[in-house]
Amino acid sequence: MNWMQNTIIVVLSFLISRVMIDANMHCYFIDRLLMRSKLNISTMVTGLLISSYTLSLFFSNTVVILTMIPIIKYILEGIPEKELKEQSATILVLALIYGSNIGGMGSLIGSGLNIVYLGLIEFYRFPGRENITFFSWLILGIPGTIILLLFSRFILKLNEKKMVFHQNFELSSGQEAPAGFKKYLFFFIINILLIIILTAVQFIAKPNNIIQNFNIIDIIFLIYLACFIFFAFIVPRGNKRLIFFGQNLIYLTLFLISAPFIAVIELMKELKNRLKFSISGNFIKRLESGITQIINWIWFQFFNKKNIDLKQKNKRTFVSINQLIYDLPFLGLIFMGLIIGFVYWFSMWGDIPATPEMDGYVIQFLEKISIMLIPKGDEMLLFFLAINVVAIFFTQIINNTTILLIMAPLLIRIAENLNLSPVYFLLSVTMAASAAFMTPMASPINAIAYAGVPGVSLKQMFKSGFFLTVLSVFWITTIFYLIEKLYL
């Protein structure tokens, strides 16, 4: 039951990253890599590229971007010359965008687009989807993305030659080693290795089911997740007195119950501040105050205390549930849900209920187009290239998740008519759509990085991104064409 394993891995990786983030391990890692004496622009570009790539293999690349932006700003503060500062801002942000996008391709958990892909292959229940595991993705993803990383470093190197001059910087370290640094590092390595080993066993051995539809790896993953949730939210930091276990359990329960109300409040705030909806600020404050009072009243009944702030971190847990809830992008999730709902409704328009397959007007139209597009003879490679070119360049003007959702029905029909594996054909386009290097609107992380660092040249971003995009589309097409020819 790979869908369950993949879902658990996504949840586990998210919780592991939260443990490491709450311990400030990610900042310390970046600090050790970058904050060394006598740095110049070239070494900092290499450091940003490698660190953002590496972290994006095991953390969400959005988290990586948000972590790196303050570091780039700190570097730029040490550059007095205006022209060099603007050039440096552009090349450092490009290194961050390239590393994060490429790292997101290399791991099942690195990018939100990968999760959308997993949802699509499970929704359509394609044969072969059981081969997509954390382990198998790394086997394909890391070698393939290393080549893209080298391409990106070459392009950035060309940009460096156009800079006014190279200056050495004396950057003092801003991060001290977190308390228990070695324990946290050991914790991270052990968990990642455990996930890799379990998914490798699933991929290679494919164990038989022993309880209904669950095999031994499924059962281990379920136990693993339950234990990790208990560790993250219930086990107290430091003192392990029984009362602190009880406090953490009550704290978790209160915020899980309050989560829908918090989501509504935060959504109203985002609608008011970002989209200028006419929502009363006093109404939002009263609603938030009411929830705070209710939580504190219940807390007082159990522990004779009233000291809970909705946004204050719970220092007695390894992951603070309230901060996890507040960090969720509520407006983005609503927007994504609307896109998925619209695409599904559009695909079902005119569907005949008596038939099991989707055969609405749009699907029938796409099927006719797919038949016209079917290549003949030795045109398969050019066909793969054409499809990936469409995905990779439309991604630059429309968000990559939207592109994947829009193209999915057409790609599925084409794969069926060509007797291709929809799992790998759709994965090829997912990788192409992840190569979002040219514009800020191509992916959320591009938009965050571009908006977060002043002085980034849009012209240079487009120009450099274009060359990397062209190299990427040829490389991705070659990989999946060979997979289709040699292994499927």
Protein backbone atom coordinates (compact mmCIF):
# COMPACT_ATOMS: atom_id res chain seq x y z
CA MET A 1 0.00 0.00 0.00
CA ASN A 2 2.50 2.57 -1.24
CA TRP A 3 0.09 5.49 -1.13
CA MET A 4 -0.09 5.10 2.64
CA GLN A 5 3.69 4.79 2.96
CA ASN A 6 4.24 7.90 0.84
CA THR A 7 1.67 9.85 2.86
CA ILE A 8 3.33 8.81 6.12
CA ILE A 9 6.77 9.75 4.73
CA VAL A 10 5.49 13.23 3.81
CA VAL A 11 4.08 13.69 7.33
CA LEU A 12 7.22 12.27 8.96
CA SER A 13 9.55 14.45 6.90
CA PHE A 14 7.48 17.50 7.80
CA LEU A 15 7.64 16.67 11.52
CA ILE A 16 11.38 15.88 11.34
CA SER A 17 11.99 19.23 9.66
CA ARG A 18 9.93 20.98 12.37
CA VAL A 19 12.03 19.36 15.10
CA MET A 20 15.22 20.50 13.37
CA ILE A 21 13.85 23.99 12.68
CA ASP A 22 12.68 24.48 16.26
CA ALA A 23 16.23 23.53 17.36
CA ASN A 24 17.66 26.06 14.83
CA MET A 25 19.75 23.32 13.23
CA HIS A 26 19.10 24.46 9.66
CA CYS A 27 20.41 27.98 10.35
CA TYR A 28 23.49 26.60 12.07
CA PHE A 29 24.20 24.29 9.10
CA ILE A 30 24.01 27.20 6.64
CA ASP A 31 26.05 29.41 8.94
CA ARG A 32 28.87 26.85 9.15
CA LEU A 33 28.88 26.51 5.36
CA LEU A 34 28.85 30.20 4.53
CA MET A 35 30.19 32.26 7.41
CA ARG A 36 33.90 31.72 6.98
CA SER A 37 36.71 34.24 6.78
CA LYS A 38 37.84 35.82 3.51
CA LEU A 39 34.84 34.83 1.43
CA ASN A 40 34.27 36.23 -2.03
CA ILE A 41 31.15 36.29 -4.18
CA SER A 42 32.12 33.12 -6.04
CA THR A 43 32.53 30.99 -2.93
CA MET A 44 29.30 32.34 -1.44
CA VAL A 45 27.40 31.51 -4.64
CA THR A 46 28.75 27.97 -4.52
CA GLY A 47 27.89 27.69 -0.83
CA LEU A 48 24.32 28.93 -1.33
CA LEU A 49 23.78 26.66 -4.31
CA ILE A 50 25.02 23.53 -2.54
CA SER A 51 23.37 24.24 0.81
CA SER A 52 19.97 25.11 -0.70
CA TYR A 53 20.14 22.00 -2.91
CA THR A 54 21.11 19.71 -0.02
CA LEU A 55 18.52 21.07 2.39
CA SER A 56 15.78 20.87 -0.28
CA LEU A 57 16.32 17.12 -0.55
CA PHE A 58 15.12 16.68 3.03
CA PHE A 59 13.14 19.85 3.84
CA SER A 60 10.43 21.67 1.93
CA ASN A 61 12.17 24.02 -0.51
CA THR A 62 9.82 26.80 0.67
CA VAL A 63 11.27 26.47 4.17
CA VAL A 64 14.78 26.57 2.69
CA ILE A 65 14.04 29.79 0.79
CA LEU A 66 12.61 31.51 3.86
CA THR A 67 15.65 30.47 5.90
CA MET A 68 18.20 31.65 3.33
CA ILE A 69 16.79 35.12 2.58
CA PRO A 70 17.99 36.72 5.86
CA ILE A 71 21.46 35.26 5.23
CA ILE A 72 21.60 36.83 1.75
CA LYS A 73 20.54 40.18 3.21
CA TYR A 74 23.27 39.87 5.84
CA ILE A 75 25.87 39.21 3.12
CA LEU A 76 24.68 42.20 1.08
CA GLU A 77 25.01 44.51 4.08
CA GLY A 78 28.78 43.99 3.91
CA ILE A 79 29.01 45.27 0.32
CA PRO A 80 29.31 49.09 0.25
CA GLU A 81 29.44 49.59 -3.54
CA LYS A 82 25.93 50.00 -4.99
CA GLU A 83 26.67 48.40 -8.38
CA LEU A 84 28.37 45.37 -6.87
CA LYS A 85 25.59 45.04 -4.29
CA GLU A 86 22.92 44.89 -7.01
CA GLN A 87 24.91 42.39 -9.04
CA SER A 88 25.58 40.32 -5.93
CA ALA A 89 21.89 40.36 -4.94
CA THR A 90 20.91 38.97 -8.33
CA ILE A 91 23.49 36.20 -8.49
CA LEU A 92 22.95 35.11 -4.87
CA VAL A 93 19.17 34.95 -5.31
CA LEU A 94 19.61 33.00 -8.55
CA ALA A 95 21.86 30.52 -6.73
CA LEU A 96 19.20 30.14 -4.05
CA ILE A 97 16.38 29.65 -6.57
CA TYR A 98 18.36 27.19 -8.69
CA GLY A 99 19.53 25.11 -5.73
CA SER A 100 16.09 24.97 -4.10
CA ASN A 101 14.20 24.08 -7.29
CA ILE A 102 16.74 21.44 -8.32
CA GLY A 103 16.88 19.97 -4.81
CA GLY A 104 13.07 19.82 -4.80
CA MET A 105 13.22 17.64 -7.92
CA GLY A 106 15.66 15.21 -6.33
CA SER A 107 13.49 14.02 -3.46
CA LEU A 108 9.88 12.94 -3.05
CA ILE A 109 9.46 15.35 -0.14
CA GLY A 110 11.42 18.32 -1.50
CA SER A 111 8.67 20.11 -3.42
CA GLY A 112 4.93 20.57 -3.15
CA LEU A 113 4.65 19.73 -6.85
CA ASN A 114 5.87 16.20 -6.11
CA ILE A 115 3.01 15.75 -3.64
CA VAL A 116 0.53 16.83 -6.32
CA TYR A 117 2.06 14.24 -8.67
CA LEU A 118 1.65 11.51 -6.03
CA GLY A 119 -1.97 12.54 -5.58
CA LEU A 120 -2.61 12.29 -9.33
CA ILE A 121 -1.17 8.79 -9.78
CA GLU A 122 -3.10 7.56 -6.74
CA PHE A 123 -6.33 9.23 -7.90
CA TYR A 124 -6.13 7.51 -11.28
CA ARG A 125 -4.68 4.30 -9.70
CA PHE A 126 -2.08 3.81 -12.43
CA PRO A 127 -0.27 0.46 -12.63
CA GLY A 128 3.34 0.89 -11.54
CA ARG A 129 2.60 3.56 -8.94
CA GLU A 130 3.87 1.13 -6.30
CA ASN A 131 7.39 1.67 -7.68
CA ILE A 132 7.35 5.34 -6.66
CA THR A 133 8.87 5.38 -3.19
CA PHE A 134 11.17 7.68 -1.25
CA PHE A 135 14.05 5.33 -2.05
CA SER A 136 13.36 4.94 -5.78
CA TRP A 137 12.91 8.69 -6.18
CA LEU A 138 16.32 9.31 -4.60
CA ILE A 139 17.94 6.69 -6.88
CA LEU A 140 16.69 8.53 -9.95
CA GLY A 141 16.54 12.04 -8.51
CA ILE A 142 19.97 12.58 -7.00
CA PRO A 143 22.10 11.53 -10.03
CA GLY A 144 19.82 13.42 -12.39
CA THR A 145 19.73 16.60 -10.33
CA ILE A 146 23.49 16.61 -9.73
CA ILE A 147 23.91 17.17 -13.47
CA LEU A 148 21.43 20.05 -13.33
CA LEU A 149 23.34 21.44 -10.35
CA LEU A 150 26.53 21.45 -12.44
CA PHE A 151 24.67 23.15 -15.30
CA SER A 152 23.42 25.84 -12.92
CA ARG A 153 26.89 26.44 -11.44
CA PHE A 154 28.32 26.85 -14.95
CA ILE A 155 25.68 29.48 -15.82
CA LEU A 156 26.23 31.32 -12.55
CA LYS A 157 29.97 31.26 -13.22
CA LEU A 158 29.38 33.04 -16.51
CA ASN A 159 27.43 35.71 -14.61
CA GLU A 160 30.29 36.17 -12.16
CA LYS A 161 32.65 37.14 -14.98
CA LYS A 162 30.46 40.15 -15.77
CA MET A 163 30.65 41.53 -12.25
CA VAL A 164 32.63 44.69 -11.52
CA PHE A 165 35.16 43.01 -9.27
CA HIS A 166 35.46 40.31 -6.65
CA GLN A 167 35.80 41.41 -3.07
CA ASN A 168 36.72 39.37 -0.01
CA PHE A 169 34.41 39.65 2.98
CA GLU A 170 35.12 39.20 6.66
CA LEU A 171 31.88 37.67 7.91
CA SER A 172 31.58 36.83 11.56
CA SER A 173 29.60 33.78 12.59
CA GLY A 174 26.13 34.65 13.79
CA GLN A 175 25.02 31.24 15.02
CA GLU A 176 26.15 29.26 18.01
CA ALA A 177 25.81 25.49 18.01
CA PRO A 178 22.33 24.59 19.33
CA ALA A 179 22.18 22.83 22.68
CA GLY A 180 22.47 19.11 22.04
CA PHE A 181 23.79 19.69 18.51
CA LYS A 182 25.25 16.19 18.13
CA LYS A 183 22.07 14.57 19.42
CA TYR A 184 19.91 16.47 16.93
CA LEU A 185 22.28 15.64 14.09
CA PHE A 186 22.24 11.96 15.06
CA PHE A 187 18.44 12.10 15.34
CA PHE A 188 18.13 13.55 11.82
CA ILE A 189 20.53 11.06 10.21
CA ILE A 190 18.92 8.04 11.90
CA ASN A 191 15.41 9.03 10.82
CA ILE A 192 16.41 9.69 7.21
CA LEU A 193 18.34 6.40 7.05
CA LEU A 194 15.38 4.53 8.53
CA ILE A 195 13.02 5.96 5.90
CA ILE A 196 15.48 5.10 3.12
CA ILE A 197 16.00 1.53 4.40
CA LEU A 198 12.27 0.84 4.82
CA THR A 199 11.39 2.18 1.37
CA ALA A 200 14.34 0.29 -0.15
CA VAL A 201 12.99 -2.97 1.29
CA GLN A 202 9.55 -2.10 -0.07
CA PHE A 203 10.97 -1.27 -3.53
CA ILE A 204 13.26 -4.31 -3.81
CA ALA A 205 11.46 -7.07 -1.88
CA LYS A 206 7.82 -6.00 -2.42
CA PRO A 207 6.62 -7.98 0.64
CA ASN A 208 3.24 -9.70 0.57
CA ASN A 209 0.27 -8.48 2.57
CA ILE A 210 -0.12 -10.12 5.98
CA ILE A 211 -3.15 -8.27 7.43
CA GLN A 212 -5.82 -7.37 4.87
CA ASN A 213 -4.06 -4.95 2.47
CA PHE A 214 -1.13 -4.17 4.79
CA ASN A 215 2.34 -5.66 4.44
CA ILE A 216 5.02 -5.68 7.11
CA ILE A 217 6.52 -2.36 5.88
CA ASP A 218 3.10 -0.69 6.07
CA ILE A 219 2.70 -1.84 9.67
CA ILE A 220 6.21 -0.65 10.60
CA PHE A 221 5.50 2.76 9.06
CA LEU A 222 2.22 3.08 10.99
CA ILE A 223 3.99 2.25 14.26
CA TYR A 224 6.85 4.59 13.32
CA LEU A 225 4.44 7.48 12.68
CA ALA A 226 2.54 6.89 15.93
CA CYS A 227 5.80 6.83 17.92
CA PHE A 228 7.09 9.97 16.20
CA ILE A 229 3.87 11.91 16.86
CA PHE A 230 4.09 10.87 20.52
CA PHE A 231 7.72 12.00 20.63
CA ALA A 232 7.13 15.30 18.81
CA PHE A 233 4.02 16.50 20.66
CA ILE A 234 3.77 14.58 23.96
CA VAL A 235 7.26 13.74 25.25
CA PRO A 236 8.45 16.76 27.30
CA ARG A 237 11.79 18.43 26.81
CA GLY A 238 14.06 18.14 29.83
CA ASN A 239 12.14 17.05 32.90
CA LYS A 240 10.15 13.86 32.18
CA ARG A 241 7.71 14.12 35.09
CA LEU A 242 4.32 12.57 34.42
CA ILE A 243 2.51 15.89 34.86
CA PHE A 244 4.40 17.35 31.90
CA PHE A 245 3.30 14.45 29.70
CA GLY A 246 -0.27 15.29 30.73
CA GLN A 247 0.19 19.00 30.05
CA ASN A 248 1.55 18.34 26.56
CA LEU A 249 -1.33 15.97 25.79
CA ILE A 250 -3.94 18.53 26.89
CA TYR A 251 -2.10 21.29 25.00
CA LEU A 252 -2.10 19.20 21.81
CA THR A 253 -5.80 18.36 22.20
CA LEU A 254 -6.82 21.97 22.81
CA PHE A 255 -5.05 23.27 19.71
CA LEU A 256 -6.25 20.45 17.47
CA ILE A 257 -9.83 21.31 18.48
CA SER A 258 -9.11 25.01 18.00
CA ALA A 259 -7.35 24.55 14.64
CA PRO A 260 -10.45 25.16 12.44
CA PHE A 261 -11.23 28.40 14.34
CA ILE A 262 -7.60 29.54 14.12
CA ALA A 263 -7.67 28.76 10.39
CA VAL A 264 -10.76 30.95 9.93
CA ILE A 265 -9.17 33.82 11.88
CA GLU A 266 -5.89 33.66 9.97
CA LEU A 267 -7.73 33.37 6.65
CA MET A 268 -9.75 36.49 7.48
CA LYS A 269 -6.52 38.31 8.36
CA GLU A 270 -4.95 37.33 5.03
CA LEU A 271 -8.09 38.34 3.10
CA LYS A 272 -8.17 41.69 4.89
CA ASN A 273 -4.44 42.48 4.60
CA ARG A 274 -3.52 40.99 1.23
CA LEU A 275 -6.77 41.17 -0.78
CA LYS A 276 -8.20 44.23 1.03
CA PHE A 277 -11.49 42.54 1.95
CA SER A 278 -13.76 44.71 4.12
CA ILE A 279 -13.55 42.64 7.31
CA SER A 280 -13.69 44.45 10.65
CA GLY A 281 -10.39 44.31 12.51
CA ASN A 282 -12.26 44.53 15.84
CA PHE A 283 -14.35 41.48 14.93
CA ILE A 284 -11.19 39.46 14.22
CA LYS A 285 -9.61 40.60 17.50
CA ARG A 286 -12.73 39.68 19.50
CA LEU A 287 -12.87 36.25 17.89
CA GLU A 288 -9.19 35.63 18.61
CA SER A 289 -9.58 36.88 22.17
CA GLY A 290 -12.58 34.61 22.70
CA ILE A 291 -10.66 31.50 21.63
CA THR A 292 -7.75 32.50 23.89
CA GLN A 293 -10.08 32.88 26.86
CA ILE A 294 -11.76 29.52 26.24
CA ILE A 295 -8.41 27.71 25.96
CA ASN A 296 -7.13 29.39 29.13
CA TRP A 297 -10.37 28.58 31.02
CA ILE A 298 -10.02 24.89 30.14
CA TRP A 299 -6.30 24.97 30.99
CA PHE A 300 -7.15 26.50 34.35
CA GLN A 301 -9.60 23.67 35.13
CA PHE A 302 -6.81 21.11 34.67
CA PHE A 303 -3.73 22.90 36.00
CA ASN A 304 -4.98 25.98 37.92
CA LYS A 305 -3.05 28.25 35.52
CA LYS A 306 -3.94 30.79 32.83
CA ASN A 307 -0.82 31.44 30.80
CA ILE A 308 -1.44 30.25 27.26
CA ASP A 309 -0.77 32.65 24.38
CA LEU A 310 -2.09 31.28 21.07
CA LYS A 311 1.13 32.12 19.22
CA GLN A 312 3.72 31.55 21.92
CA LYS A 313 5.89 28.47 21.45
CA ASN A 314 5.31 25.55 23.81
CA LYS A 315 8.86 25.10 25.10
CA ARG A 316 8.07 21.73 26.71
CA THR A 317 7.59 19.90 23.38
CA PHE A 318 9.94 19.17 20.48
CA VAL A 319 7.33 20.48 18.02
CA SER A 320 4.95 23.22 19.15
CA ILE A 321 1.54 22.38 17.66
CA ASN A 322 0.26 25.97 17.79
CA GLN A 323 3.22 27.34 15.80
CA LEU A 324 2.84 24.52 13.29
CA ILE A 325 -0.81 25.52 12.79
CA TYR A 326 0.00 29.25 12.50
CA ASP A 327 2.74 28.57 9.94
CA LEU A 328 0.31 26.95 7.50
CA PRO A 329 -0.40 29.08 4.37
CA PHE A 330 -4.19 29.07 4.73
CA LEU A 331 -4.94 31.33 1.77
CA GLY A 332 -2.56 29.33 -0.43
CA LEU A 333 -4.20 26.07 0.59
CA ILE A 334 -7.66 27.46 -0.19
CA PHE A 335 -6.43 28.71 -3.55
CA MET A 336 -4.86 25.33 -4.36
CA GLY A 337 -8.07 23.54 -3.37
CA LEU A 338 -10.08 25.79 -5.67
CA ILE A 339 -7.71 25.06 -8.57
CA ILE A 340 -7.95 21.30 -8.01
CA GLY A 341 -11.73 21.51 -7.67
CA PHE A 342 -12.06 23.58 -10.84
CA VAL A 343 -9.83 21.24 -12.87
CA TYR A 344 -11.80 18.21 -11.63
CA TRP A 345 -15.16 19.87 -12.37
CA PHE A 346 -13.95 20.96 -15.80
CA SER A 347 -12.80 17.40 -16.57
CA MET A 348 -16.15 15.95 -15.40
CA TRP A 349 -18.25 18.38 -17.48
CA GLY A 350 -20.48 16.25 -19.67
CA ASP A 351 -19.32 12.99 -18.06
CA ILE A 352 -21.62 9.99 -18.57
CA PRO A 353 -22.44 8.50 -15.13
CA ALA A 354 -23.19 5.04 -16.57
CA THR A 355 -19.54 4.58 -17.65
CA PRO A 356 -16.78 3.96 -15.09
CA GLU A 357 -14.15 6.07 -16.85
CA MET A 358 -14.06 9.85 -17.13
CA ASP A 359 -15.49 10.70 -20.56
CA GLY A 360 -16.73 14.28 -20.33
CA TYR A 361 -16.54 16.82 -23.15
CA VAL A 362 -13.07 18.02 -22.21
CA ILE A 363 -11.72 14.47 -21.92
CA GLN A 364 -13.15 13.55 -25.32
CA PHE A 365 -11.66 16.69 -26.86
CA LEU A 366 -8.25 15.97 -25.31
CA GLU A 367 -8.44 12.38 -26.52
CA LYS A 368 -8.92 13.56 -30.11
CA ILE A 369 -5.96 15.90 -29.75
CA SER A 370 -3.83 13.15 -28.23
CA ILE A 371 -4.57 10.87 -31.19
CA MET A 372 -3.43 13.62 -33.55
CA LEU A 373 -0.24 14.09 -31.53
CA ILE A 374 0.77 10.43 -31.46
CA PRO A 375 4.25 10.18 -32.99
CA LYS A 376 5.16 7.71 -35.67
CA GLY A 377 8.36 5.75 -36.16
CA ASP A 378 11.42 7.39 -34.62
CA GLU A 379 9.61 10.56 -33.61
CA MET A 380 9.16 9.45 -29.98
CA LEU A 381 12.16 11.37 -28.67
CA LEU A 382 11.01 14.58 -30.37
CA PHE A 383 7.54 13.98 -28.99
CA PHE A 384 8.88 13.64 -25.42
CA LEU A 385 10.88 16.81 -25.95
CA ALA A 386 7.88 18.74 -27.30
CA ILE A 387 5.67 17.81 -24.34
CA ASN A 388 8.37 18.78 -21.83
CA VAL A 389 9.06 22.05 -23.66
CA VAL A 390 5.36 22.95 -23.38
CA ALA A 391 5.39 22.17 -19.64
CA ILE A 392 8.67 23.87 -18.84
CA PHE A 393 7.98 27.12 -20.69
CA PHE A 394 4.33 27.50 -19.71
CA THR A 395 5.50 27.05 -16.13
CA GLN A 396 7.44 30.31 -16.43
CA ILE A 397 4.23 32.33 -16.90
CA ILE A 398 1.76 30.17 -14.94
CA ASN A 399 2.38 28.52 -11.57
CA ASN A 400 3.90 25.05 -12.08
CA THR A 401 1.25 23.27 -9.98
CA THR A 402 -1.50 24.75 -12.14
CA ILE A 403 0.31 23.63 -15.29
CA LEU A 404 0.58 20.04 -14.04
CA LEU A 405 -3.11 19.90 -13.09
CA ILE A 406 -4.20 21.35 -16.43
CA MET A 407 -1.97 19.09 -18.52
CA ALA A 408 -2.61 15.88 -16.56
CA PRO A 409 -5.79 14.70 -18.42
CA LEU A 410 -4.13 15.24 -21.83
CA LEU A 411 -0.92 13.49 -20.74
CA ILE A 412 -2.86 10.52 -19.41
CA ARG A 413 -4.76 10.08 -22.66
CA ILE A 414 -1.59 10.40 -24.71
CA ALA A 415 0.19 7.82 -22.54
CA GLU A 416 -2.69 5.37 -22.92
CA ASN A 417 -2.76 5.77 -26.70
CA LEU A 418 1.01 5.27 -26.92
CA ASN A 419 1.09 2.34 -24.48
CA LEU A 420 3.43 4.36 -22.27
CA SER A 421 3.50 4.15 -18.50
CA PRO A 422 1.44 7.14 -17.27
CA VAL A 423 3.40 7.01 -14.00
CA TYR A 424 6.75 7.80 -15.67
CA PHE A 425 5.33 9.96 -18.44
CA LEU A 426 3.61 12.17 -15.87
CA LEU A 427 6.76 12.17 -13.71
CA SER A 428 8.76 13.46 -16.68
CA VAL A 429 6.40 16.43 -17.04
CA THR A 430 6.42 16.99 -13.28
CA MET A 431 10.21 17.29 -13.36
CA ALA A 432 9.99 19.64 -16.35
CA ALA A 433 7.44 21.82 -14.55
CA SER A 434 9.79 21.91 -11.54
CA ALA A 435 12.49 23.54 -13.68
CA ALA A 436 11.10 26.96 -12.80
CA PHE A 437 14.13 29.18 -13.31
CA MET A 438 13.13 32.13 -15.49
CA THR A 439 10.47 34.22 -13.76
CA PRO A 440 9.17 35.04 -10.26
CA MET A 441 5.69 33.70 -11.04
CA ALA A 442 6.93 30.25 -12.11
CA SER A 443 6.81 28.84 -8.56
CA PRO A 444 6.06 30.05 -5.03
CA ILE A 445 9.73 29.89 -4.00
CA ASN A 446 10.75 32.07 -6.96
CA ALA A 447 8.19 34.69 -5.93
CA ILE A 448 9.32 34.60 -2.28
CA ALA A 449 13.02 34.91 -3.16
CA TYR A 450 12.50 37.68 -5.75
CA ALA A 451 10.28 39.72 -3.45
CA GLY A 452 12.36 39.05 -0.34
CA VAL A 453 15.68 40.48 -1.58
CA PRO A 454 15.71 44.01 -3.07
CA GLY A 455 17.74 44.80 -6.16
CA VAL A 456 17.34 41.51 -8.06
CA SER A 457 17.50 42.07 -11.82
CA LEU A 458 14.45 40.59 -13.56
CA LYS A 459 16.26 40.83 -16.90
CA GLN A 460 19.21 38.80 -15.62
CA MET A 461 16.89 36.30 -13.95
CA PHE A 462 15.08 35.74 -17.24
CA LYS A 463 18.23 35.58 -19.34
CA SER A 464 20.19 33.18 -17.11
CA GLY A 465 17.07 31.15 -16.35
CA PHE A 466 16.38 30.72 -20.05
CA PHE A 467 19.71 28.96 -20.68
CA LEU A 468 19.30 26.74 -17.62
CA THR A 469 15.73 25.94 -18.66
CA VAL A 470 16.86 24.87 -22.14
CA LEU A 471 19.60 22.63 -20.71
CA SER A 472 17.11 21.22 -18.18
CA VAL A 473 14.46 20.29 -20.72
CA PHE A 474 16.97 18.39 -22.87
CA TRP A 475 18.43 16.58 -19.86
CA ILE A 476 15.05 15.63 -18.35
CA THR A 477 13.75 14.46 -21.72
CA THR A 478 16.83 12.30 -22.28
CA ILE A 479 16.54 10.65 -18.85
CA PHE A 480 12.89 9.67 -19.18
CA TYR A 481 13.18 8.68 -22.82
CA LEU A 482 15.95 6.23 -21.87
CA ILE A 483 13.89 4.94 -18.93
CA GLU A 484 10.94 4.33 -21.23
CA LYS A 485 13.09 2.59 -23.85
CA LEU A 486 15.37 0.52 -21.63
CA TYR A 487 13.31 -0.42 -18.57
CA LEU A 488 9.61 -0.20 -19.42
